[in-house]
């Protein structure tokens, strides 16, 4: 069963960044949040807690580790120790706090661009040195440059920050790729921190593989930061997880201040419990809609804007569209915004090599996607 997007008129009454970031005549398809109604079990726990004025300070919440462990076993056959699941405010806070626990200012941290723009912000915030080994681009295909990565690992790298599955590419790392990262990290003493927030959103016929699950080496060198927020459309509730797989990493993360846990939202934490325990049916429906929309967008672009090139993502609801063939200058997203009144994420924020791409949010209705492409055409 597909999840139907809420009507555009109703979405325009929402208070989130997506609907307040631009004037009302702009159609927003930028920030990664869905136009879908929140799953009923999540609604019910929130209404129950609010109606009972149950909104005090967050305490320990063993239910969350157990819920994530069960979810991971069902979806990925990954055995997670619930006691190795820690709470944090959101994935961004989790990444920053893990970097603080694993690095010193000036240490080298590797990313692979183009990559979610906040990776650059997290690295800047923690005062470490950014090292970038870009993906190798061949048209719409992006491959890992393992030769260059091993040279960086061997040069004294401290951390490799992975975006897995990859935002904005919609790419899922293969088990073999992740295993190779783990082997290299073990060989050279590198810690791999994997942002896996999009993991639950793998589209059909594609398998997401959690990094910590691929091998004993991965468990030894890796840390996962993830959340229910992206998959279940509850980003504003502020709750995420930091997961380790080995006693060594569990002890390392114990260096983090207790406030990392207590800054989280009690509403978000218990909403995540419900999402992981009772959200499978809703999630399957959301993925069905996203996948249908991904194919619908390709049809729209192929027929109305064939110079724009786009490959169906393997995961999540973010379309990565090459608009270099349209000849729109240094920042095509600005042309679409100014002339077409449609807002996408500019490719350049993800890396210099991506300036001729735009990222388009697919978690909406077909009518909104059709209007977005119509506005793109009118921008030319």
Protein backbone atom coordinates (compact mmCIF):
# COMPACT_ATOMS: atom_id res chain seq x y z
CA UNK A 1 0.00 0.00 0.00
CA UNK A 2 1.40 3.37 -1.03
CA UNK A 3 1.46 6.37 1.31
CA UNK A 4 -0.27 9.36 -0.27
CA UNK A 5 1.27 12.80 0.10
CA UNK A 6 -0.73 15.46 1.86
CA UNK A 7 -2.33 18.10 -0.41
CA UNK A 8 -0.09 21.00 -1.39
CA UNK A 9 -2.46 23.52 0.21
CA UNK A 10 -2.17 21.70 3.53
CA UNK A 11 1.61 21.37 3.25
CA UNK A 12 1.87 25.15 2.81
CA UNK A 13 0.46 25.57 6.33
CA UNK A 14 3.38 23.60 7.82
CA UNK A 15 5.95 25.37 9.98
CA UNK A 16 9.13 23.52 8.96
CA UNK A 17 12.08 24.91 6.99
CA UNK A 18 10.80 23.38 3.77
CA UNK A 19 7.69 25.57 3.89
CA UNK A 20 9.17 28.69 5.48
CA UNK A 21 12.46 28.86 3.61
CA UNK A 22 11.06 30.57 0.50
CA UNK A 23 8.17 32.88 -0.45
CA UNK A 24 4.78 31.25 -1.00
CA UNK A 25 5.04 31.48 -4.80
CA UNK A 26 8.04 29.13 -4.77
CA UNK A 27 7.52 25.36 -5.02
CA UNK A 28 9.99 23.84 -2.50
CA UNK A 29 11.66 20.53 -3.32
CA UNK A 30 14.95 21.06 -1.53
CA UNK A 31 15.32 20.06 2.14
CA UNK A 32 15.03 16.31 2.84
CA UNK A 33 11.70 15.95 4.57
CA UNK A 34 8.60 14.18 3.30
CA UNK A 35 5.15 15.48 2.39
CA UNK A 36 3.71 12.27 3.86
CA UNK A 37 1.56 12.00 7.01
CA UNK A 38 3.45 10.62 9.99
CA UNK A 39 2.86 6.94 10.79
CA UNK A 40 -0.12 6.28 13.06
CA UNK A 41 1.85 4.56 15.87
CA UNK A 42 4.09 7.62 16.10
CA UNK A 43 1.12 9.98 16.15
CA UNK A 44 -0.50 7.93 18.90
CA UNK A 45 2.50 7.90 21.25
CA UNK A 46 3.01 11.64 20.80
CA UNK A 47 -0.64 12.46 21.45
CA UNK A 48 -0.67 10.14 24.45
CA UNK A 49 2.38 11.76 25.99
CA UNK A 50 1.18 15.31 25.30
CA UNK A 51 -2.34 14.65 26.58
CA UNK A 52 -0.83 13.31 29.82
CA UNK A 53 1.66 16.20 30.08
CA UNK A 54 4.42 13.61 29.86
CA UNK A 55 7.11 15.94 28.55
CA UNK A 56 9.69 16.07 31.30
CA UNK A 57 13.41 15.49 31.13
CA UNK A 58 14.61 12.40 29.32
CA UNK A 59 15.86 9.55 31.52
CA UNK A 60 17.42 6.26 30.50
CA UNK A 61 15.48 4.57 27.72
CA UNK A 62 16.49 0.90 27.28
CA UNK A 63 13.41 0.46 25.06
CA UNK A 64 15.16 2.36 22.27
CA UNK A 65 18.23 0.13 22.08
CA UNK A 66 16.00 -2.94 22.04
CA UNK A 67 13.70 -1.47 19.39
CA UNK A 68 16.62 -0.56 17.10
CA UNK A 69 18.21 -3.96 17.65
CA UNK A 70 15.00 -5.73 16.64
CA UNK A 71 14.51 -3.42 13.63
CA UNK A 72 18.08 -4.05 12.46
CA UNK A 73 17.64 -7.80 12.75
CA UNK A 74 14.37 -7.77 10.77
CA UNK A 75 15.58 -5.50 7.99
CA UNK A 76 19.30 -6.24 7.65
CA UNK A 77 19.94 -9.40 9.66
CA UNK A 78 22.28 -7.29 11.78
CA UNK A 79 22.73 -8.34 15.41
CA UNK A 80 23.00 -5.16 17.47
CA UNK A 81 23.75 -5.25 21.19
CA UNK A 82 21.07 -2.95 22.69
CA UNK A 83 23.53 -1.86 25.37
CA UNK A 84 25.83 -0.53 22.64
CA UNK A 85 23.15 1.89 21.37
CA UNK A 86 23.53 5.45 22.63
CA UNK A 87 21.15 8.37 22.25
CA UNK A 88 21.95 11.81 20.85
CA UNK A 89 20.00 14.82 19.61
CA UNK A 90 20.33 14.24 15.86
CA UNK A 91 22.77 12.74 13.39
CA UNK A 92 24.66 16.02 13.05
CA UNK A 93 25.20 16.25 16.80
CA UNK A 94 26.10 12.56 16.85
CA UNK A 95 28.73 12.97 14.14
CA UNK A 96 30.26 15.98 15.89
CA UNK A 97 30.37 14.27 19.29
CA UNK A 98 31.87 11.09 17.85
CA UNK A 99 34.49 13.16 16.02
CA UNK A 100 35.31 14.90 19.29
CA UNK A 101 35.68 11.52 21.00
CA UNK A 102 37.93 10.06 18.30
CA UNK A 103 40.08 12.98 17.13
CA UNK A 104 42.18 15.90 18.29
CA UNK A 105 42.19 19.30 16.55
CA UNK A 106 44.35 19.06 13.45
CA UNK A 107 43.78 15.33 12.87
CA UNK A 108 42.95 14.35 9.30
CA UNK A 109 39.38 13.31 8.44
CA UNK A 110 38.50 11.91 5.01
CA UNK A 111 35.29 12.43 3.04
CA UNK A 112 34.35 11.48 -0.50
CA UNK A 113 32.68 14.26 -2.44
CA UNK A 114 30.14 15.09 -3.63
CA UNK A 115 28.72 14.56 -0.15
CA UNK A 116 25.96 15.88 2.12
CA UNK A 117 27.02 19.45 2.81
CA UNK A 118 26.93 19.20 6.59
CA UNK A 119 29.92 16.85 6.55
CA UNK A 120 31.99 19.96 5.78
CA UNK A 121 30.34 21.83 8.66
CA UNK A 122 30.92 18.99 11.15
CA UNK A 123 34.58 18.84 10.22
CA UNK A 124 34.97 22.60 10.56
CA UNK A 125 33.19 22.58 13.93
CA UNK A 126 35.53 19.95 15.35
CA UNK A 127 38.67 21.75 14.08
CA UNK A 128 40.05 18.75 12.20
CA UNK A 129 41.65 18.82 8.76
CA UNK A 130 39.41 17.96 5.81
CA UNK A 131 40.81 15.50 3.27
CA UNK A 132 38.68 14.84 0.19
CA UNK A 133 39.06 11.92 -2.20
CA UNK A 134 36.22 12.51 -4.69
CA UNK A 135 34.26 9.74 -6.31
CA UNK A 136 35.36 8.93 -9.85
CA UNK A 137 32.60 10.18 -12.12
CA UNK A 138 31.71 8.51 -15.40
CA UNK A 139 28.51 10.12 -16.61
CA UNK A 140 25.89 9.27 -14.00
CA UNK A 141 28.03 6.54 -12.45
CA UNK A 142 30.21 7.26 -9.43
CA UNK A 143 32.87 4.80 -8.29
CA UNK A 144 35.17 4.66 -5.26
CA UNK A 145 38.81 5.59 -5.82
CA UNK A 146 40.32 2.93 -3.58
CA UNK A 147 43.89 3.55 -4.75
CA UNK A 148 43.73 7.20 -3.68
CA UNK A 149 41.90 6.30 -0.47
CA UNK A 150 44.56 3.79 0.57
CA UNK A 151 47.28 6.40 0.04
CA UNK A 152 45.40 8.78 2.34
CA UNK A 153 44.83 6.03 4.91
CA UNK A 154 48.56 5.30 4.87
CA UNK A 155 49.47 8.99 5.34
CA UNK A 156 48.28 9.11 8.95
CA UNK A 157 44.53 9.53 8.53
CA UNK A 158 42.55 9.43 11.77
CA UNK A 159 38.91 9.10 10.61
CA UNK A 160 37.05 8.24 7.42
CA UNK A 161 33.58 9.81 7.54
CA UNK A 162 31.23 7.78 5.34
CA UNK A 163 27.78 8.73 4.08
CA UNK A 164 26.15 5.32 3.68
CA UNK A 165 23.81 5.14 1.85
CA UNK A 166 25.15 8.11 -0.01
CA UNK A 167 23.47 11.51 -0.05
CA UNK A 168 23.14 13.06 -2.63
CA UNK A 169 24.14 10.28 -5.04
CA UNK A 170 21.46 7.79 -3.96
CA UNK A 171 24.24 5.22 -4.05
CA UNK A 172 24.46 2.16 -1.79
CA UNK A 173 27.92 0.88 -0.98
CA UNK A 174 28.29 -2.81 -1.78
CA UNK A 175 29.25 -5.34 0.87
CA UNK A 176 32.58 -5.76 -0.94
CA UNK A 177 33.30 -2.02 -0.85
CA UNK A 178 32.50 -1.76 2.84
CA UNK A 179 34.63 -4.82 3.59
CA UNK A 180 37.54 -3.21 1.77
CA UNK A 181 37.14 0.00 3.80
CA UNK A 182 37.19 -2.12 6.96
CA UNK A 183 40.31 -4.03 5.90
CA UNK A 184 42.17 -0.83 5.06
CA UNK A 185 41.03 0.84 8.28
CA UNK A 186 42.26 -2.11 10.32
CA UNK A 187 45.58 -2.11 8.46
CA UNK A 188 46.27 1.60 8.93
CA UNK A 189 44.58 2.31 12.27
CA UNK A 190 41.72 4.42 10.87
CA UNK A 191 38.30 4.81 12.51
CA UNK A 192 35.29 4.71 10.17
CA UNK A 193 32.28 6.78 11.23
CA UNK A 194 29.28 5.89 9.08
CA UNK A 195 26.25 8.18 8.77
CA UNK A 196 23.49 5.66 7.97
CA UNK A 197 20.38 7.82 8.37
CA UNK A 198 19.06 6.85 4.92
CA UNK A 199 19.63 3.12 5.51
CA UNK A 200 15.97 2.11 6.04
CA UNK A 201 14.98 3.68 2.70
CA UNK A 202 16.61 1.25 0.24
CA UNK A 203 14.38 0.86 -2.81
CA UNK A 204 13.24 -2.54 -4.05
CA UNK A 205 15.87 -4.91 -5.42
CA UNK A 206 18.60 -2.99 -3.59
CA UNK A 207 20.15 -4.04 -0.29
CA UNK A 208 21.50 -1.64 2.29
CA UNK A 209 24.35 -3.15 4.30
CA UNK A 210 25.21 -1.59 7.69
CA UNK A 211 28.95 -1.00 7.88
CA UNK A 212 29.36 -2.59 11.32
CA UNK A 213 27.74 -5.81 10.09
CA UNK A 214 30.11 -6.66 7.23
CA UNK A 215 33.04 -8.19 9.11
CA UNK A 216 34.85 -8.48 12.45
CA UNK A 217 37.24 -5.79 11.17
CA UNK A 218 34.33 -3.39 10.56
CA UNK A 219 33.00 -4.01 14.06
CA UNK A 220 36.44 -3.25 15.47
CA UNK A 221 37.10 -0.02 13.55
CA UNK A 222 33.59 1.37 12.99
CA UNK A 223 30.92 3.54 14.60
CA UNK A 224 27.43 4.07 13.17
CA UNK A 225 25.35 7.22 13.59
CA UNK A 226 21.73 6.89 12.51
CA UNK A 227 18.14 7.86 13.29
CA UNK A 228 14.48 7.14 12.62
CA UNK A 229 14.05 10.76 11.60
CA UNK A 230 14.68 10.53 7.85
CA UNK A 231 12.85 7.26 7.19
CA UNK A 232 9.83 8.15 9.33
CA UNK A 233 9.64 11.90 8.64
CA UNK A 234 10.20 13.07 12.21
CA UNK A 235 13.34 15.20 11.91
CA UNK A 236 11.95 17.94 14.15
CA UNK A 237 11.59 15.56 17.10
CA UNK A 238 15.36 15.49 17.60
CA UNK A 239 16.44 11.97 18.41
CA UNK A 240 19.26 9.89 16.93
CA UNK A 241 21.51 6.94 17.76
CA UNK A 242 25.22 6.26 18.05
CA UNK A 243 25.90 2.54 17.65
CA UNK A 244 29.05 0.53 18.27
CA UNK A 245 29.70 -3.17 17.71
CA UNK A 246 32.85 -3.87 19.72
CA UNK A 247 33.79 -3.47 23.37
CA UNK A 248 36.71 -1.29 22.28
CA UNK A 249 34.50 1.22 20.48
CA UNK A 250 31.88 1.07 23.23
CA UNK A 251 34.54 2.08 25.75
CA UNK A 252 35.83 4.81 23.45
CA UNK A 253 32.35 6.32 23.15
CA UNK A 254 32.04 6.33 26.94
CA UNK A 255 34.35 9.36 26.78
CA UNK A 256 31.45 11.43 25.45
CA UNK A 257 29.76 13.66 28.04
CA UNK A 258 26.49 12.45 29.56
CA UNK A 259 24.82 15.54 28.12
CA UNK A 260 24.97 13.96 24.65
CA UNK A 261 22.16 11.67 25.84
CA UNK A 262 20.21 14.14 27.93
CA UNK A 263 20.03 16.85 25.27
CA UNK A 264 17.74 14.59 23.25
CA UNK A 265 13.97 15.03 23.18
CA UNK A 266 11.83 12.71 25.28
CA UNK A 267 9.16 12.95 22.58
CA UNK A 268 11.63 12.10 19.84
CA UNK A 269 13.12 9.17 21.74
CA UNK A 270 9.78 7.49 22.37
CA UNK A 271 8.60 8.30 18.84
CA UNK A 272 11.68 6.45 17.58
CA UNK A 273 10.80 3.44 19.73
CA UNK A 274 7.37 3.29 18.07
CA UNK A 275 8.86 3.80 14.61
CA UNK A 276 11.31 0.93 14.99
CA UNK A 277 8.78 -1.37 16.68
CA UNK A 278 5.59 -0.62 14.73
CA UNK A 279 6.52 1.36 11.63
CA UNK A 280 7.34 -1.38 9.11
CA UNK A 281 4.03 -1.23 7.25
CA UNK A 282 4.13 2.56 6.96
CA UNK A 283 7.77 2.45 5.86
CA UNK A 284 7.03 -0.07 3.11
CA UNK A 285 4.22 2.18 1.87
CA UNK A 286 6.46 5.24 1.89
CA UNK A 287 9.16 3.41 -0.07
CA UNK A 288 6.56 2.25 -2.59
CA UNK A 289 5.46 5.84 -3.18
CA UNK A 290 9.04 7.10 -3.39
CA UNK A 291 9.98 4.44 -5.91
CA UNK A 292 6.92 5.20 -8.04
CA UNK A 293 7.78 8.90 -7.91
CA UNK A 294 11.39 8.20 -8.88
CA UNK A 295 10.23 6.50 -12.07
CA UNK A 296 7.60 9.18 -12.69
CA UNK A 297 10.22 11.93 -12.47
CA UNK A 298 12.38 10.08 -14.99
CA UNK A 299 9.43 9.89 -17.39
CA UNK A 300 8.74 13.61 -16.95
CA UNK A 301 12.37 14.55 -17.57
CA UNK A 302 12.81 12.18 -20.51
CA UNK A 303 9.74 13.58 -22.26
CA UNK A 304 9.86 17.27 -21.32
CA UNK A 305 13.50 17.99 -20.54
CA UNK A 306 15.59 15.28 -22.24
CA UNK A 307 18.83 17.25 -21.87
CA UNK A 308 18.56 16.69 -18.09
CA UNK A 309 20.09 13.33 -17.16
CA UNK A 310 18.93 11.30 -14.20
CA UNK A 311 19.34 7.77 -12.89
CA UNK A 312 16.86 6.22 -10.47
CA UNK A 313 18.47 6.25 -6.99
CA UNK A 314 19.04 2.99 -5.18
CA UNK A 315 18.04 4.49 -1.86
CA UNK A 316 16.05 7.32 -0.31
CA UNK A 317 13.96 10.06 -1.88
CA UNK A 318 16.54 12.42 -3.32
CA UNK A 319 16.91 12.61 -7.10
CA UNK A 320 20.36 13.62 -8.33
CA UNK A 321 19.86 15.31 -11.70
CA UNK A 322 22.58 16.38 -14.14
CA UNK A 323 21.42 19.59 -15.82
CA UNK A 324 24.74 20.47 -17.50
CA UNK A 325 23.11 19.97 -20.90
CA UNK A 326 20.74 22.88 -20.27
CA UNK A 327 23.48 25.52 -20.32
CA UNK A 328 22.27 27.41 -17.26
CA UNK A 329 25.60 28.77 -16.05
CA UNK A 330 27.50 28.30 -12.81
CA UNK A 331 24.47 27.69 -10.56
CA UNK A 332 21.50 26.11 -12.38
CA UNK A 333 19.49 25.92 -9.15
CA UNK A 334 19.47 29.72 -8.94
CA UNK A 335 18.10 29.96 -12.49
CA UNK A 336 15.31 27.53 -11.62
CA UNK A 337 14.53 29.55 -8.50
CA UNK A 338 14.56 32.97 -10.12
CA UNK A 339 12.88 32.11 -13.41
CA UNK A 340 10.77 29.09 -12.54
CA UNK A 341 10.02 29.70 -8.86
CA UNK A 342 11.02 26.15 -7.97
CA UNK A 343 13.61 25.45 -5.25
CA UNK A 344 16.12 22.60 -5.45
CA UNK A 345 19.40 22.04 -3.63
CA UNK A 346 22.35 23.37 -5.60
CA UNK A 347 24.85 20.70 -6.56
CA UNK A 348 27.80 22.93 -5.68
CA UNK A 349 27.08 22.69 -1.93
CA UNK A 350 28.01 18.98 -2.07
CA UNK A 351 31.35 19.47 -3.82
CA UNK A 352 33.04 21.41 -6.61
CA UNK A 353 32.58 18.59 -9.12
CA UNK A 354 28.79 18.71 -8.72
CA UNK A 355 28.02 22.30 -9.71
CA UNK A 356 25.91 21.20 -12.69
CA UNK A 357 23.64 18.95 -10.63
CA UNK A 358 20.54 19.70 -8.61
CA UNK A 359 19.01 17.57 -5.86
CA UNK A 360 15.23 17.14 -6.04
CA UNK A 361 13.01 15.82 -3.24
CA UNK A 362 10.87 12.89 -4.44
CA UNK A 363 8.82 12.41 -1.26
CA UNK A 364 5.84 14.36 -2.48
CA UNK A 365 2.90 13.91 -4.86
CA UNK A 366 3.01 13.25 -8.60
CA UNK A 367 1.21 16.55 -9.16
CA UNK A 368 3.96 18.47 -7.34
CA UNK A 369 6.66 16.67 -9.34
CA UNK A 370 4.83 17.46 -12.58
CA UNK A 371 4.56 21.12 -11.62
CA UNK A 372 8.23 21.20 -10.66
CA UNK A 373 9.31 19.91 -14.08
CA UNK A 374 6.91 22.33 -15.75
CA UNK A 375 8.62 25.18 -13.88
CA UNK A 376 12.04 23.85 -14.89
CA UNK A 377 10.97 23.97 -18.55
CA UNK A 378 9.68 27.52 -18.14
CA UNK A 379 13.07 28.54 -16.73
CA UNK A 380 14.84 27.94 -20.03
